[in-house]
Amino acid sequence: MPDIASTLPDWAIKMHEAHGSPKLEDIQDVFHGPLSSRSAGLRKDDLVEIMIDSRAVSSDNEAWARGMLIGTTRNAVEIVDNSGIFRSIARDVIVEVRLIAHMRVPYLEDREMMTFEKEDMRRRSIMLEKAEQIADGGMDSHLWG
């Protein structure tokens, strides 16, 4: 079986190397077998190609965005493209998303991602408390009474 990393497109090789050249054979999608062993779908840090509706780009721009998936929101897909530029692409203009390679293990097996999300929830909770204090006047309140 050929090494999957050797089949990466030229634009993806630099990103794969920058990510520590993980063994891609160990983190592929699994479509068949017991349900509990299957894993599929996009993950953070995946290398992707996104086809943008040609009506949404100027004639001198390419209709493909290639790069590493940073995140998704309800309205957009965010990537760092192969030039190192952050791009947020509206879901309304996406025609197709092609997975080139997973760079991380499946979500439920990704301890680093779980730790990040737990810390992120804690950080957001602290920020929300501070925002509520400011909105309620908090310690800086100059109200008399």
Protein backbone atom coordinates (compact mmCIF):
# COMPACT_ATOMS: atom_id res chain seq x y z
CA MET A 1 0.00 0.00 0.00
CA PRO A 2 1.56 3.35 -1.00
CA ASP A 3 2.20 6.00 1.63
CA ILE A 4 -0.80 8.37 1.59
CA ALA A 5 1.45 11.36 2.32
CA SER A 6 3.25 10.72 -0.97
CA THR A 7 -0.03 11.23 -2.84
CA LEU A 8 -0.73 14.68 -1.40
CA PRO A 9 -1.03 17.53 -3.90
CA ASP A 10 1.94 19.91 -4.02
CA TRP A 11 0.11 22.67 -2.13
CA ALA A 12 -0.64 20.29 0.78
CA ILE A 13 2.87 18.93 1.30
CA LYS A 14 4.15 22.11 3.00
CA MET A 15 1.14 22.16 5.37
CA HIS A 16 1.56 18.45 6.17
CA GLU A 17 5.22 19.01 7.04
CA ALA A 18 4.40 22.13 9.12
CA HIS A 19 1.90 20.00 11.06
CA GLY A 20 4.63 17.54 12.05
CA SER A 21 4.13 15.09 9.16
CA PRO A 22 1.63 12.83 10.96
CA LYS A 23 1.20 9.28 9.63
CA LEU A 24 -1.94 9.73 7.56
CA GLU A 25 -2.70 6.00 7.34
CA ASP A 26 -3.60 5.97 11.04
CA ILE A 27 -6.16 8.81 10.86
CA GLN A 28 -8.24 8.05 7.77
CA ASP A 29 -12.02 7.88 7.68
CA VAL A 30 -13.54 4.50 8.49
CA PHE A 31 -16.80 3.88 6.62
CA HIS A 32 -17.31 0.12 7.12
CA GLY A 33 -17.39 -2.16 10.14
CA PRO A 34 -19.02 -1.89 13.55
CA LEU A 35 -20.78 1.44 14.11
CA SER A 36 -18.66 2.24 17.15
CA SER A 37 -15.48 1.86 15.07
CA ARG A 38 -16.53 4.16 12.22
CA SER A 39 -15.40 7.75 11.91
CA ALA A 40 -16.02 10.20 9.11
CA GLY A 41 -16.47 13.89 8.50
CA LEU A 42 -14.38 17.02 8.62
CA ARG A 43 -12.12 17.73 11.57
CA LYS A 44 -10.15 20.76 12.68
CA ASP A 45 -6.78 20.96 10.89
CA ASP A 46 -7.95 18.85 7.91
CA LEU A 47 -6.47 19.71 4.54
CA VAL A 48 -9.37 20.61 2.26
CA GLU A 49 -10.21 21.97 -1.16
CA ILE A 50 -13.36 24.10 -1.38
CA MET A 51 -15.05 24.82 -4.69
CA ILE A 52 -16.64 28.27 -4.66
CA ASP A 53 -19.58 29.09 -6.91
CA SER A 54 -18.03 30.81 -9.94
CA ARG A 55 -20.72 33.52 -9.78
CA ALA A 56 -19.30 34.59 -6.39
CA VAL A 57 -15.70 35.17 -7.51
CA SER A 58 -14.25 37.69 -9.94
CA SER A 59 -13.08 36.32 -13.27
CA ASP A 60 -9.38 36.67 -12.35
CA ASN A 61 -9.73 34.62 -9.13
CA GLU A 62 -9.66 30.85 -8.97
CA ALA A 63 -12.86 29.10 -7.91
CA TRP A 64 -10.93 26.76 -5.59
CA ALA A 65 -9.76 27.56 -2.07
CA ARG A 66 -7.16 25.13 -0.76
CA GLY A 67 -5.88 24.97 2.78
CA MET A 68 -6.25 23.78 6.36
CA LEU A 69 -9.63 23.85 8.07
CA ILE A 70 -9.53 26.13 11.11
CA GLY A 71 -13.19 26.03 12.06
CA THR A 72 -16.77 26.35 10.97
CA THR A 73 -19.59 28.64 11.99
CA ARG A 74 -23.26 28.60 11.11
CA ASN A 75 -22.55 30.87 8.13
CA ALA A 76 -18.95 30.21 7.10
CA VAL A 77 -16.08 27.78 6.77
CA GLU A 78 -12.74 29.14 7.94
CA ILE A 79 -9.41 28.01 6.51
CA VAL A 80 -5.80 29.06 6.36
CA ASP A 81 -5.13 28.81 2.63
CA ASN A 82 -2.00 27.43 0.99
CA SER A 83 -0.53 30.97 0.98
CA GLY A 84 -0.94 31.23 4.76
CA ILE A 85 -3.86 33.68 4.53
CA PHE A 86 -6.92 33.29 6.78
CA ARG A 87 -10.10 32.99 4.70
CA SER A 88 -13.69 32.85 5.85
CA ILE A 89 -15.87 31.46 3.06
CA ALA A 90 -19.64 31.90 3.22
CA ARG A 91 -21.49 28.59 3.19
CA ASP A 92 -23.91 30.07 0.65
CA VAL A 93 -21.23 30.11 -2.06
CA ILE A 94 -19.65 26.70 -1.35
CA VAL A 95 -20.40 24.15 -4.03
CA GLU A 96 -18.19 21.30 -2.83
CA VAL A 97 -15.71 20.50 -0.06
CA ARG A 98 -13.06 17.86 -0.79
CA LEU A 99 -11.16 16.25 2.04
CA ILE A 100 -7.52 15.89 1.03
CA ALA A 101 -6.19 14.50 4.32
CA HIS A 102 -7.07 14.33 7.98
CA MET A 103 -4.32 15.76 10.16
CA ARG A 104 -5.81 14.76 13.53
CA VAL A 105 -7.38 11.65 15.01
CA PRO A 106 -11.19 11.42 15.20
CA TYR A 107 -12.78 13.92 17.58
CA LEU A 108 -13.62 11.53 20.43
CA GLU A 109 -10.05 10.16 20.42
CA ASP A 110 -8.41 13.59 20.29
CA ARG A 111 -7.27 14.34 23.85
CA GLU A 112 -5.65 17.62 22.83
CA MET A 113 -8.92 18.83 21.28
CA MET A 114 -10.94 17.78 24.33
CA THR A 115 -8.51 19.64 26.63
CA PHE A 116 -8.68 22.72 24.40
CA GLU A 117 -12.48 22.73 24.39
CA LYS A 118 -12.66 22.31 28.17
CA GLU A 119 -10.25 25.23 28.67
CA ASP A 120 -12.13 27.27 26.06
CA MET A 121 -15.45 26.70 27.87
CA ARG A 122 -13.82 27.81 31.14
CA ARG A 123 -12.39 30.93 29.46
CA ARG A 124 -15.76 31.79 27.90
CA SER A 125 -17.50 31.36 31.25
CA ILE A 126 -15.06 33.78 32.90
CA MET A 127 -15.55 36.29 30.06
CA LEU A 128 -19.33 36.03 30.39
CA GLU A 129 -19.13 36.68 34.14
CA LYS A 130 -16.98 39.77 33.52
CA ALA A 131 -19.39 41.03 30.85
CA GLU A 132 -22.34 40.58 33.22
CA GLN A 133 -20.49 42.49 35.96
CA ILE A 134 -19.77 45.36 33.59
CA ALA A 135 -23.37 45.39 32.32
CA ASP A 136 -24.72 45.42 35.89
CA GLY A 137 -22.44 48.26 36.91
CA GLY A 138 -20.00 46.04 38.80
CA MET A 139 -17.38 47.68 40.97
CA ASP A 140 -17.11 50.69 38.67
CA SER A 141 -20.68 51.73 39.33
CA HIS A 142 -21.11 55.44 40.04
CA LEU A 143 -24.74 55.19 41.03
CA TRP A 144 -25.79 56.89 44.24
CA GLY A 145 -28.27 55.32 46.50
